[in-house]
Amino acid sequence: MEFKEITNKEEWENEISLQKQAQFLQSWGWGEFQKGLGRKIWRLALGGYYVLVIKMDLPLEQSYLYAPRLNFLLDKDIFNRLKELAQVEKNSFLRLELVLEQDLDLFGFKKTNNVQPGQTLLLDLIKSEDELLAEMHPKTRYNIRLAEKKGVKIKEGNFNDLGVFYELMVNTFERKGKKLFNKDYYQKMMSTLPYAKLYLAEYAGRILCANMVLFYGDTVTYLHGGSSDENKNIMAPHLLQWETIKKAKELGYKYYDFWGIDETKWPGVTRFKKGFGGFEVNYGGTYDLALNKFWYTAYQISKIFK
């Protein structure tokens, strides 16, 4: 199999960004972002397919190789190449995350918990605004109109708005008892990814909610968002989503990705997202290949007690 590292950004993006429902996790920019976090990466061409691979550090000088959201069916030659790279780098295991459904048990992999959301909700932006509104839950349409009537204003932010965005994220994650990346993570993301944008909803001189949105390939992805405890009856998050959807449509994107739904893990968030209509997408899952069984078992145990 032909095997080479790609060092030309234009060549890489011509392959990845033009895919249907393009995966930003395989983009050139995402590789640069990972390098900014201090991680080693490889951009590989394997038999006509392009694969971004990231070295993820673990305690006690251990590590694993991770290839996120591979948007094609893999064959034995590709597995072997990735396995060889992982072995040369002395990794504890190899982790592959699939877009398409594929059983990797035959190659010695075992299915594991997803790193990225395993299920998402997409809007078809080819539809008209009237069609998109008609497919929403009536309560969602009502809340959008209510926010408009109350005078909520939506604006695009910039790097200087990261502070308020992060404060809203902290507030939201503390309410839900979830862990949050540190502020530096988002600063690196905004400064590295040319397609990362902030959108904010303002009411009576205060920012009530803010979202980080990624515009990549044919897809706009609502990646992270935070909201205030204040003026919840104004329904600003609904209008913020709708105005971002309209912006994505205006710019010619084909899909709007709500980036993860799960009725069990995130019931409230899932209910909010489903209110906008759309169609559900189930990804192929995440698989691990243990290369050092002792350290892989230790890693699995540590995840249980983390």
Foldseek 3Di string as FASTA:
>chain_A
DDKDFDDDQVVQCVQQLQDDVGDCCFHPLVQVLLVVVVWDWTFMQDPNATWIKIWAADPPRAIEIETEAREDDDDPRVVVVQVVVRVVVPHQKYKYFYQAADDCVVVQKDFDDDPFAQKWFKDFLVDDLVVLLVQFAPVLNVLLVLLVVQPKDKDWDALVCLVVFVVQQVVACVVVVHDDDDSVSVSSSRVRAPQWIKMFIDHPHDTFKMFIWGDTRLEIEGDDMGGDPPPVVSSRVSNRVSVVSVVSSVVPRGMYIDGHDDCPPCVPSNVSVCSSPGDMGGGNGMIMRGPNVVVVVVVVVVVVVD
